[in-house]
Amino acid sequence: MGKLISKGQPKRDARVVMLGLDFAGKSTLLYKLKSGRAVETCPTVGFNVESLQTPCRVSFTLWDVGGQGSLRASWPDYLEDTNILIFVLDSTDTARLPEALAALEEVLSHPSMAGIPVLLLANKQEMPGALAPAELGEKLKTPIAERFWPRLLDSHHWLWLVPLSPGSAHPLRACPVLQRGCFLPEQHKL
């Protein structure tokens, strides 16, 4: 699924779709990953797409799709041929966690998402009042979660609530498992 390049090592390519509610920090994360520095962003209307290279010869095409309610109806258009789903949660916005969970459920119910690895990112960890990943996990144990969580746990490979702060030196290093691409189950290896 990749091209052979020098030294006989295959270059691996992955299509990564990053979703989450508006103001979760998806665009900030995308551009921090791309440039290594924090940049000011505005709400995404539509999508942003960037290619990212990792030291381990994995190339990610990362799609950051707007999270406003009116844009979520278009999310399924971006899911085809996805190798990895990143769902970004705002660790400071507990009032919208049920909405985020319902949006995640809808995405994971899409036929093209069957068996796709899911990475939940607990974003904005540097902010006052941010819930730690363990606390966020407890908040996610809602009636909505209890209704669909067992089915989702069985049908997807999960990395649960990786803490992330866009202010960190390099967010990709905050998640070395994503950096290496090694968390993919065999059927999804790049």
N, C-alpha and C. Protein backbone atom coordinates (compact mmCIF):
# COMPACT_ATOMS: atom_id res chain seq x y z
N MET A 1 0.82 -1.18 0.00
CA MET A 1 0.00 0.00 0.00
C MET A 1 0.86 1.25 0.00
N GLY A 2 2.11 1.13 -0.19
CA GLY A 2 2.98 2.27 -0.25
C GLY A 2 3.96 2.09 -1.38
N LYS A 3 4.78 3.09 -1.61
CA LYS A 3 5.77 3.01 -2.66
C LYS A 3 7.09 2.57 -2.05
N LEU A 4 7.85 1.82 -2.81
CA LEU A 4 9.19 1.49 -2.35
C LEU A 4 10.08 2.68 -2.61
N ILE A 5 10.85 3.03 -1.62
CA ILE A 5 11.79 4.13 -1.79
C ILE A 5 13.16 3.64 -1.39
N SER A 6 14.14 4.49 -1.39
CA SER A 6 15.52 4.10 -1.18
C SER A 6 15.70 3.15 -0.01
N LYS A 7 16.72 2.32 -0.12
CA LYS A 7 17.09 1.33 0.89
C LYS A 7 16.03 0.23 1.03
N GLY A 8 15.13 0.12 0.07
CA GLY A 8 14.16 -0.96 0.09
C GLY A 8 13.10 -0.86 1.16
N GLN A 9 13.09 0.23 1.90
CA GLN A 9 12.08 0.41 2.94
C GLN A 9 10.81 0.98 2.35
N PRO A 10 9.68 0.35 2.60
CA PRO A 10 8.44 0.91 2.05
C PRO A 10 8.04 2.19 2.80
N LYS A 11 7.57 3.13 2.03
CA LYS A 11 6.98 4.32 2.62
C LYS A 11 5.51 4.01 2.80
N ARG A 12 4.99 4.25 4.00
CA ARG A 12 3.60 3.93 4.27
C ARG A 12 2.79 5.22 4.29
N ASP A 13 1.61 5.14 3.70
CA ASP A 13 0.71 6.29 3.63
C ASP A 13 -0.56 5.97 4.40
N ALA A 14 -1.08 6.96 5.10
CA ALA A 14 -2.33 6.77 5.84
C ALA A 14 -3.21 7.99 5.66
N ARG A 15 -4.48 7.72 5.47
CA ARG A 15 -5.48 8.80 5.44
C ARG A 15 -6.07 8.88 6.84
N VAL A 16 -5.88 10.03 7.47
CA VAL A 16 -6.34 10.25 8.84
C VAL A 16 -7.40 11.34 8.81
N VAL A 17 -8.55 11.06 9.41
CA VAL A 17 -9.61 12.05 9.50
C VAL A 17 -9.72 12.48 10.96
N MET A 18 -9.66 13.78 11.18
CA MET A 18 -9.75 14.33 12.53
C MET A 18 -11.09 15.06 12.66
N LEU A 19 -11.91 14.57 13.59
CA LEU A 19 -13.23 15.13 13.83
C LEU A 19 -13.37 15.52 15.29
N GLY A 20 -14.38 16.25 15.57
CA GLY A 20 -14.71 16.68 16.93
C GLY A 20 -15.61 17.90 16.82
N LEU A 21 -16.19 18.28 17.92
CA LEU A 21 -17.07 19.45 17.91
C LEU A 21 -16.28 20.71 17.60
N ASP A 22 -16.99 21.74 17.21
CA ASP A 22 -16.35 23.03 16.98
C ASP A 22 -15.66 23.50 18.26
N PHE A 23 -14.57 24.15 18.10
CA PHE A 23 -13.75 24.70 19.19
C PHE A 23 -13.04 23.63 20.03
N ALA A 24 -12.95 22.40 19.52
CA ALA A 24 -12.21 21.36 20.25
C ALA A 24 -10.70 21.52 20.09
N GLY A 25 -10.27 22.25 19.05
CA GLY A 25 -8.85 22.48 18.85
C GLY A 25 -8.25 21.68 17.70
N LYS A 26 -9.06 21.19 16.79
CA LYS A 26 -8.58 20.36 15.69
C LYS A 26 -7.62 21.12 14.77
N SER A 27 -8.00 22.31 14.34
CA SER A 27 -7.15 23.08 13.41
C SER A 27 -5.86 23.51 14.08
N THR A 28 -5.94 23.92 15.33
CA THR A 28 -4.72 24.28 16.07
C THR A 28 -3.77 23.09 16.12
N LEU A 29 -4.32 21.92 16.41
CA LEU A 29 -3.50 20.71 16.44
C LEU A 29 -2.90 20.41 15.07
N LEU A 30 -3.72 20.49 14.02
CA LEU A 30 -3.23 20.21 12.67
C LEU A 30 -2.03 21.09 12.33
N TYR A 31 -2.16 22.38 12.56
CA TYR A 31 -1.08 23.28 12.17
C TYR A 31 0.11 23.21 13.13
N LYS A 32 -0.12 22.82 14.35
CA LYS A 32 1.00 22.58 15.27
C LYS A 32 1.79 21.36 14.79
N LEU A 33 1.07 20.33 14.34
CA LEU A 33 1.73 19.14 13.80
C LEU A 33 2.52 19.48 12.54
N LYS A 34 1.94 20.31 11.70
CA LYS A 34 2.56 20.64 10.42
C LYS A 34 3.77 21.55 10.59
N SER A 35 3.64 22.61 11.39
CA SER A 35 4.70 23.61 11.45
C SER A 35 5.56 23.52 12.71
N GLY A 36 5.08 22.77 13.72
CA GLY A 36 5.84 22.68 14.96
C GLY A 36 5.62 23.88 15.87
N ARG A 37 4.72 24.78 15.49
CA ARG A 37 4.46 25.94 16.34
C ARG A 37 2.96 26.21 16.36
N ALA A 38 2.53 26.85 17.43
CA ALA A 38 1.11 27.20 17.56
C ALA A 38 0.80 28.37 16.63
N VAL A 39 -0.30 28.27 15.93
CA VAL A 39 -0.76 29.35 15.07
C VAL A 39 -2.19 29.67 15.44
N GLU A 40 -2.56 30.92 15.22
CA GLU A 40 -3.94 31.32 15.50
C GLU A 40 -4.82 30.83 14.37
N THR A 41 -5.95 30.23 14.73
CA THR A 41 -6.87 29.72 13.72
C THR A 41 -8.25 30.33 13.94
N CYS A 42 -9.09 30.16 12.96
CA CYS A 42 -10.49 30.57 13.09
C CYS A 42 -11.34 29.33 12.83
N PRO A 43 -12.61 29.36 13.18
CA PRO A 43 -13.44 28.17 12.98
C PRO A 43 -13.39 27.69 11.52
N THR A 44 -13.23 26.40 11.37
CA THR A 44 -13.13 25.79 10.04
C THR A 44 -14.51 25.66 9.41
N VAL A 45 -14.65 26.22 8.25
CA VAL A 45 -15.87 26.05 7.46
C VAL A 45 -15.45 25.17 6.30
N GLY A 46 -15.83 23.90 6.36
CA GLY A 46 -15.38 22.94 5.37
C GLY A 46 -14.29 22.08 5.98
N PHE A 47 -13.08 22.15 5.40
CA PHE A 47 -12.00 21.30 5.88
C PHE A 47 -10.65 21.95 5.63
N ASN A 48 -9.65 21.44 6.34
CA ASN A 48 -8.25 21.73 6.09
C ASN A 48 -7.58 20.38 5.85
N VAL A 49 -6.61 20.33 4.99
CA VAL A 49 -5.90 19.08 4.75
C VAL A 49 -4.41 19.37 4.63
N GLU A 50 -3.60 18.55 5.28
CA GLU A 50 -2.15 18.70 5.26
C GLU A 50 -1.52 17.31 5.20
N SER A 51 -0.33 17.24 4.62
CA SER A 51 0.46 16.02 4.62
C SER A 51 1.53 16.15 5.68
N LEU A 52 1.70 15.11 6.46
CA LEU A 52 2.69 15.11 7.53
C LEU A 52 3.58 13.89 7.38
N GLN A 53 4.87 14.10 7.54
CA GLN A 53 5.83 13.01 7.50
C GLN A 53 6.30 12.70 8.91
N THR A 54 6.50 11.43 9.21
CA THR A 54 7.04 11.05 10.51
C THR A 54 8.44 10.48 10.30
N PRO A 55 9.25 10.44 11.35
CA PRO A 55 10.59 9.89 11.22
C PRO A 55 10.59 8.41 10.83
N CYS A 56 9.50 7.72 11.04
CA CYS A 56 9.48 6.28 10.77
C CYS A 56 8.90 5.97 9.40
N ARG A 57 8.94 6.93 8.50
CA ARG A 57 8.57 6.72 7.11
C ARG A 57 7.08 6.47 6.90
N VAL A 58 6.28 7.09 7.75
CA VAL A 58 4.83 7.06 7.56
C VAL A 58 4.41 8.46 7.14
N SER A 59 3.65 8.53 6.08
CA SER A 59 3.12 9.80 5.61
C SER A 59 1.63 9.83 5.90
N PHE A 60 1.21 10.83 6.67
CA PHE A 60 -0.20 11.00 6.99
C PHE A 60 -0.79 12.11 6.13
N THR A 61 -1.91 11.84 5.49
CA THR A 61 -2.73 12.89 4.92
C THR A 61 -3.82 13.13 5.95
N LEU A 62 -3.74 14.26 6.62
CA LEU A 62 -4.60 14.55 7.76
C LEU A 62 -5.68 15.54 7.37
N TRP A 63 -6.92 15.09 7.48
CA TRP A 63 -8.09 15.90 7.16
C TRP A 63 -8.69 16.42 8.46
N ASP A 64 -8.76 17.72 8.60
CA ASP A 64 -9.39 18.40 9.73
C ASP A 64 -10.71 18.93 9.21
N VAL A 65 -11.81 18.36 9.70
CA VAL A 65 -13.13 18.72 9.18
C VAL A 65 -13.87 19.55 10.22
N GLY A 66 -14.49 20.64 9.78
CA GLY A 66 -15.21 21.53 10.67
C GLY A 66 -16.23 20.80 11.52
N GLY A 67 -16.38 21.25 12.77
CA GLY A 67 -17.23 20.55 13.72
C GLY A 67 -18.52 21.25 14.11
N GLN A 68 -18.84 22.37 13.45
CA GLN A 68 -20.10 23.04 13.76
C GLN A 68 -21.26 22.10 13.42
N GLY A 69 -22.37 22.27 14.15
CA GLY A 69 -23.53 21.42 13.94
C GLY A 69 -23.96 21.34 12.48
N SER A 70 -23.92 22.45 11.79
CA SER A 70 -24.37 22.48 10.39
C SER A 70 -23.41 21.74 9.46
N LEU A 71 -22.17 21.55 9.88
CA LEU A 71 -21.18 20.86 9.03
C LEU A 71 -21.11 19.36 9.30
N ARG A 72 -21.63 18.91 10.43
CA ARG A 72 -21.50 17.50 10.78
C ARG A 72 -22.22 16.58 9.81
N ALA A 73 -23.25 17.09 9.14
CA ALA A 73 -23.94 16.27 8.15
C ALA A 73 -23.01 15.87 7.00
N SER A 74 -21.95 16.65 6.78
CA SER A 74 -21.00 16.33 5.70
C SER A 74 -19.89 15.38 6.16
N TRP A 75 -19.78 15.09 7.44
CA TRP A 75 -18.71 14.22 7.92
C TRP A 75 -18.62 12.89 7.17
N PRO A 76 -19.74 12.22 6.87
CA PRO A 76 -19.63 10.94 6.16
C PRO A 76 -18.91 11.05 4.81
N ASP A 77 -18.94 12.22 4.19
CA ASP A 77 -18.26 12.41 2.91
C ASP A 77 -16.75 12.26 3.04
N TYR A 78 -16.21 12.42 4.23
CA TYR A 78 -14.77 12.36 4.45
C TYR A 78 -14.30 11.01 4.98
N LEU A 79 -15.21 10.09 5.25
CA LEU A 79 -14.85 8.85 5.94
C LEU A 79 -14.38 7.73 5.02
N GLU A 80 -14.73 7.79 3.76
CA GLU A 80 -14.35 6.73 2.83
C GLU A 80 -12.82 6.60 2.76
N ASP A 81 -12.32 5.39 2.81
CA ASP A 81 -10.89 5.08 2.73
C ASP A 81 -10.08 5.64 3.89
N THR A 82 -10.72 5.89 5.01
CA THR A 82 -10.01 6.36 6.20
C THR A 82 -9.25 5.20 6.83
N ASN A 83 -8.00 5.44 7.21
CA ASN A 83 -7.20 4.43 7.90
C ASN A 83 -7.24 4.62 9.41
N ILE A 84 -7.38 5.88 9.85
CA ILE A 84 -7.37 6.20 11.28
C ILE A 84 -8.35 7.34 11.52
N LEU A 85 -9.13 7.23 12.58
CA LEU A 85 -9.99 8.33 13.00
C LEU A 85 -9.43 8.92 14.28
N ILE A 86 -9.22 10.22 14.28
CA ILE A 86 -8.87 10.94 15.51
C ILE A 86 -10.09 11.75 15.89
N PHE A 87 -10.58 11.54 17.10
CA PHE A 87 -11.71 12.33 17.59
C PHE A 87 -11.19 13.18 18.73
N VAL A 88 -11.29 14.50 18.56
CA VAL A 88 -10.73 15.45 19.52
C VAL A 88 -11.84 15.91 20.46
N LEU A 89 -11.56 15.78 21.75
CA LEU A 89 -12.47 16.24 22.79
C LEU A 89 -11.87 17.45 23.49
N ASP A 90 -12.67 18.45 23.74
CA ASP A 90 -12.24 19.63 24.50
C ASP A 90 -12.35 19.27 25.98
N SER A 91 -11.22 19.12 26.65
CA SER A 91 -11.19 18.71 28.05
C SER A 91 -11.80 19.74 28.99
N THR A 92 -12.02 20.95 28.50
CA THR A 92 -12.58 22.00 29.36
C THR A 92 -14.08 22.16 29.19
N ASP A 93 -14.67 21.52 28.20
CA ASP A 93 -16.08 21.75 27.87
C ASP A 93 -16.94 20.54 28.25
N THR A 94 -17.10 20.34 29.55
CA THR A 94 -17.87 19.17 30.02
C THR A 94 -19.34 19.27 29.65
N ALA A 95 -19.86 20.47 29.49
CA ALA A 95 -21.28 20.62 29.14
C ALA A 95 -21.60 20.02 27.78
N ARG A 96 -20.61 19.97 26.90
CA ARG A 96 -20.86 19.46 25.55
C ARG A 96 -20.41 18.02 25.35
N LEU A 97 -19.97 17.34 26.42
CA LEU A 97 -19.53 15.96 26.27
C LEU A 97 -20.63 15.04 25.73
N PRO A 98 -21.88 15.15 26.21
CA PRO A 98 -22.93 14.29 25.61
C PRO A 98 -23.10 14.54 24.11
N GLU A 99 -22.98 15.79 23.68
CA GLU A 99 -23.08 16.12 22.26
C GLU A 99 -21.91 15.51 21.48
N ALA A 100 -20.71 15.60 22.07
CA ALA A 100 -19.52 15.02 21.43
C ALA A 100 -19.66 13.51 21.32
N LEU A 101 -20.14 12.88 22.36
CA LEU A 101 -20.31 11.43 22.35
C LEU A 101 -21.34 11.00 21.31
N ALA A 102 -22.43 11.75 21.20
CA ALA A 102 -23.46 11.43 20.19
C ALA A 102 -22.87 11.60 18.78
N ALA A 103 -22.05 12.62 18.57
CA ALA A 103 -21.42 12.82 17.27
C ALA A 103 -20.46 11.68 16.96
N LEU A 104 -19.69 11.25 17.97
CA LEU A 104 -18.78 10.12 17.79
C LEU A 104 -19.55 8.86 17.45
N GLU A 105 -20.65 8.62 18.14
CA GLU A 105 -21.47 7.44 17.86
C GLU A 105 -21.95 7.45 16.41
N GLU A 106 -22.40 8.59 15.95
CA GLU A 106 -22.90 8.67 14.58
C GLU A 106 -21.80 8.37 13.57
N VAL A 107 -20.62 8.92 13.81
CA VAL A 107 -19.49 8.67 12.90
C VAL A 107 -19.14 7.18 12.89
N LEU A 108 -19.04 6.59 14.07
CA LEU A 108 -18.62 5.19 14.13
C LEU A 108 -19.67 4.23 13.63
N SER A 109 -20.89 4.70 13.49
CA SER A 109 -21.96 3.87 12.93
C SER A 109 -21.91 3.83 11.41
N HIS A 110 -21.13 4.68 10.81
CA HIS A 110 -21.03 4.72 9.35
C HIS A 110 -20.35 3.43 8.86
N PRO A 111 -20.87 2.80 7.80
CA PRO A 111 -20.33 1.52 7.33
C PRO A 111 -18.83 1.54 7.02
N SER A 112 -18.31 2.64 6.51
CA SER A 112 -16.89 2.67 6.16
C SER A 112 -15.98 2.73 7.38
N MET A 113 -16.54 2.90 8.58
CA MET A 113 -15.73 2.99 9.79
C MET A 113 -15.56 1.65 10.50
N ALA A 114 -16.17 0.61 9.98
CA ALA A 114 -16.09 -0.70 10.63
C ALA A 114 -14.63 -1.12 10.79
N GLY A 115 -14.22 -1.35 12.02
CA GLY A 115 -12.88 -1.83 12.31
C GLY A 115 -11.78 -0.80 12.22
N ILE A 116 -12.11 0.44 11.94
CA ILE A 116 -11.08 1.49 11.80
C ILE A 116 -10.58 1.88 13.19
N PRO A 117 -9.25 1.98 13.38
CA PRO A 117 -8.71 2.41 14.67
C PRO A 117 -9.17 3.82 15.02
N VAL A 118 -9.46 4.03 16.30
CA VAL A 118 -9.95 5.31 16.80
C VAL A 118 -9.01 5.81 17.89
N LEU A 119 -8.61 7.05 17.77
CA LEU A 119 -7.78 7.70 18.77
C LEU A 119 -8.60 8.85 19.35
N LEU A 120 -8.90 8.79 20.64
CA LEU A 120 -9.58 9.90 21.32
C LEU A 120 -8.50 10.78 21.94
N LEU A 121 -8.53 12.06 21.62
CA LEU A 121 -7.56 13.00 22.18
C LEU A 121 -8.25 13.92 23.17
N ALA A 122 -7.76 13.93 24.37
CA ALA A 122 -8.24 14.83 25.42
C ALA A 122 -7.44 16.12 25.28
N ASN A 123 -7.96 17.05 24.51
CA ASN A 123 -7.23 18.26 24.15
C ASN A 123 -7.39 19.35 25.21
N LYS A 124 -6.55 20.36 25.10
CA LYS A 124 -6.55 21.54 25.97
C LYS A 124 -6.21 21.20 27.42
N GLN A 125 -5.30 20.27 27.60
CA GLN A 125 -4.91 19.85 28.94
C GLN A 125 -4.21 20.96 29.72
N GLU A 126 -3.68 21.95 29.02
CA GLU A 126 -2.97 23.04 29.71
C GLU A 126 -3.91 24.10 30.27
N MET A 127 -5.19 24.02 29.94
CA MET A 127 -6.14 25.05 30.33
C MET A 127 -6.63 24.83 31.77
N PRO A 128 -6.87 25.94 32.50
CA PRO A 128 -7.44 25.81 33.83
C PRO A 128 -8.80 25.10 33.74
N GLY A 129 -9.04 24.20 34.66
CA GLY A 129 -10.31 23.49 34.70
C GLY A 129 -10.41 22.30 33.75
N ALA A 130 -9.34 22.01 33.03
CA ALA A 130 -9.37 20.87 32.11
C ALA A 130 -9.47 19.56 32.89
N LEU A 131 -10.30 18.68 32.41
CA LEU A 131 -10.41 17.37 33.03
C LEU A 131 -9.25 16.49 32.57
N ALA A 132 -8.63 15.80 33.51
CA ALA A 132 -7.60 14.82 33.16
C ALA A 132 -8.26 13.70 32.36
N PRO A 133 -7.51 12.96 31.56
CA PRO A 133 -8.12 11.89 30.78
C PRO A 133 -8.96 10.91 31.60
N ALA A 134 -8.50 10.56 32.80
CA ALA A 134 -9.27 9.63 33.63
C ALA A 134 -10.62 10.26 34.03
N GLU A 135 -10.59 11.54 34.39
CA GLU A 135 -11.84 12.24 34.75
C GLU A 135 -12.77 12.36 33.54
N LEU A 136 -12.19 12.65 32.39
CA LEU A 136 -12.97 12.76 31.17
C LEU A 136 -13.61 11.41 30.83
N GLY A 137 -12.86 10.34 31.03
CA GLY A 137 -13.40 9.01 30.82
C GLY A 137 -14.59 8.72 31.71
N GLU A 138 -14.52 9.17 32.96
CA GLU A 138 -15.65 8.98 33.87
C GLU A 138 -16.86 9.78 33.41
N LYS A 139 -16.62 10.99 32.92
CA LYS A 139 -17.73 11.83 32.43
C LYS A 139 -18.39 11.22 31.20
N LEU A 140 -17.61 10.46 30.44
CA LEU A 140 -18.16 9.84 29.23
C LEU A 140 -19.04 8.63 29.55
N LYS A 141 -19.05 8.20 30.80
CA LYS A 141 -19.90 7.08 31.19
C LYS A 141 -21.31 7.61 31.47
N THR A 142 -21.99 7.91 30.39
CA THR A 142 -23.34 8.47 30.45
C THR A 142 -24.32 7.43 29.93
N PRO A 143 -25.61 7.69 30.07
CA PRO A 143 -26.59 6.75 29.49
C PRO A 143 -26.37 6.53 27.99
N ILE A 144 -25.96 7.57 27.27
CA ILE A 144 -25.69 7.41 25.84
C ILE A 144 -24.55 6.42 25.66
N ALA A 145 -23.47 6.61 26.43
CA ALA A 145 -22.31 5.74 26.30
C ALA A 145 -22.67 4.30 26.65
N GLU A 146 -23.43 4.12 27.72
CA GLU A 146 -23.79 2.76 28.13
C GLU A 146 -24.61 2.06 27.06
N ARG A 147 -25.35 2.82 26.27
CA ARG A 147 -26.19 2.23 25.23
C ARG A 147 -25.34 1.69 24.08
N PHE A 148 -24.30 2.43 23.66
CA PHE A 148 -23.58 1.97 22.47
C PHE A 148 -22.13 1.59 22.71
N TRP A 149 -21.58 1.89 23.88
CA TRP A 149 -20.16 1.66 24.12
C TRP A 149 -19.74 0.20 23.95
N PRO A 150 -20.47 -0.78 24.51
CA PRO A 150 -20.02 -2.18 24.33
C PRO A 150 -19.88 -2.57 22.86
N ARG A 151 -20.82 -2.15 22.03
CA ARG A 151 -20.74 -2.47 20.60
C ARG A 151 -19.50 -1.82 19.98
N LEU A 152 -19.22 -0.58 20.33
CA LEU A 152 -18.08 0.12 19.75
C LEU A 152 -16.76 -0.45 20.24
N LEU A 153 -16.71 -0.82 21.50
CA LEU A 153 -15.47 -1.39 22.03
C LEU A 153 -15.12 -2.68 21.31
N ASP A 154 -16.12 -3.44 20.92
CA ASP A 154 -15.87 -4.70 20.22
C ASP A 154 -15.52 -4.51 18.75
N SER A 155 -15.94 -3.41 18.15
CA SER A 155 -15.79 -3.27 16.70
C SER A 155 -14.66 -2.34 16.26
N HIS A 156 -13.94 -1.73 17.20
CA HIS A 156 -12.86 -0.81 16.85
C HIS A 156 -11.67 -1.04 17.75
N HIS A 157 -10.49 -0.75 17.22
CA HIS A 157 -9.26 -0.75 18.02
C HIS A 157 -9.12 0.65 18.61
N TRP A 158 -9.00 0.75 19.93
CA TRP A 158 -9.04 2.05 20.60
C TRP A 158 -7.71 2.40 21.25
N LEU A 159 -7.38 3.65 21.18
CA LEU A 159 -6.41 4.27 22.08
C LEU A 159 -7.23 5.27 22.85
N TRP A 160 -7.34 5.08 24.13
CA TRP A 160 -8.31 5.81 24.93
C TRP A 160 -7.75 7.09 25.51
N LEU A 161 -8.30 8.19 25.13
CA LEU A 161 -8.07 9.50 25.75
C LEU A 161 -6.60 9.84 25.99
N VAL A 162 -5.90 10.04 24.93
CA VAL A 162 -4.51 10.47 25.01
C VAL A 162 -4.51 11.95 25.40
N PRO A 163 -3.83 12.31 26.50
CA PRO A 163 -3.81 13.73 26.89
C PRO A 163 -2.99 14.54 25.89
N LEU A 164 -3.46 15.72 25.58
CA LEU A 164 -2.77 16.52 24.58
C LEU A 164 -2.94 17.99 24.89
N SER A 165 -1.86 18.72 24.68
CA SER A 165 -1.89 20.16 24.82
C SER A 165 -1.25 20.76 23.59
N PRO A 166 -1.96 21.58 22.84
CA PRO A 166 -1.35 22.19 21.65
C PRO A 166 -0.13 23.02 21.99
N GLY A 167 0.01 23.42 23.24
CA GLY A 167 1.17 24.19 23.64
C GLY A 167 2.41 23.35 23.86
N SER A 168 2.28 22.02 23.81
CA SER A 168 3.44 21.17 24.03
C SER A 168 4.44 21.35 22.89
N ALA A 169 5.67 20.96 23.15
CA ALA A 169 6.74 21.20 22.18
C ALA A 169 6.37 20.65 20.80
N HIS A 170 5.87 19.45 20.73
CA HIS A 170 5.46 18.86 19.47
C HIS A 170 4.38 17.83 19.75
N PRO A 171 3.11 18.12 19.42
CA PRO A 171 2.02 17.23 19.79
C PRO A 171 2.18 15.81 19.28
N LEU A 172 2.83 15.62 18.13
CA LEU A 172 3.00 14.26 17.62
C LEU A 172 3.88 13.46 18.56
N ARG A 173 4.84 14.11 19.21
CA ARG A 173 5.68 13.41 20.19
C ARG A 173 4.89 13.07 21.44
N ALA A 174 3.81 13.83 21.71
CA ALA A 174 2.96 13.53 22.85
C ALA A 174 2.22 12.23 22.63
N CYS A 175 2.15 11.79 21.41
CA CYS A 175 1.47 10.55 21.07
C CYS A 175 2.40 9.71 20.20
N PRO A 176 3.45 9.12 20.80
CA PRO A 176 4.43 8.39 20.00
C PRO A 176 3.83 7.19 19.28
N VAL A 177 2.74 6.65 19.80
CA VAL A 177 2.13 5.52 19.13
C VAL A 177 1.56 5.94 17.78
N LEU A 178 1.03 7.16 17.67
CA LEU A 178 0.57 7.68 16.39
C LEU A 178 1.78 7.98 15.51
N GLN A 179 2.83 8.50 16.11
CA GLN A 179 4.03 8.83 15.37
C GLN A 179 4.59 7.60 14.67
N ARG A 180 4.56 6.46 15.34
CA ARG A 180 5.11 5.24 14.76
C ARG A 180 4.12 4.51 13.88
N GLY A 181 2.82 4.77 14.04
CA GLY A 181 1.83 4.05 13.27
C GLY A 181 1.70 2.60 13.71
N CYS A 182 2.26 2.28 14.88
CA CYS A 182 2.34 0.88 15.29
C CYS A 182 1.07 0.40 15.99
N PHE A 183 0.11 1.26 16.22
CA PHE A 183 -1.08 0.85 16.95
C PHE A 183 -2.11 0.21 16.05
N LEU A 184 -1.87 0.19 14.75
CA LEU A 184 -2.86 -0.36 13.85
C LEU A 184 -2.90 -1.88 13.95
N PRO A 185 -4.09 -2.46 14.03
CA PRO A 185 -4.17 -3.91 13.98
C PRO A 185 -3.67 -4.40 12.63
N GLU A 186 -3.29 -5.66 12.54
CA GLU A 186 -2.68 -6.19 11.33
C GLU A 186 -3.47 -5.87 10.07
N GLN A 187 -4.80 -6.00 10.11
CA GLN A 187 -5.57 -5.76 8.90
C GLN A 187 -5.54 -4.31 8.48
N HIS A 188 -5.06 -3.41 9.35
CA HIS A 188 -5.00 -1.99 9.01
C HIS A 188 -3.57 -1.49 8.94
N LYS A 189 -2.59 -2.40 8.98
CA LYS A 189 -1.20 -1.95 8.88
C LYS A 189 -0.99 -1.24 7.56
N LEU A 190 -0.20 -0.21 7.60
CA LEU A 190 0.03 0.60 6.40
C LEU A 190 1.16 0.02 5.59
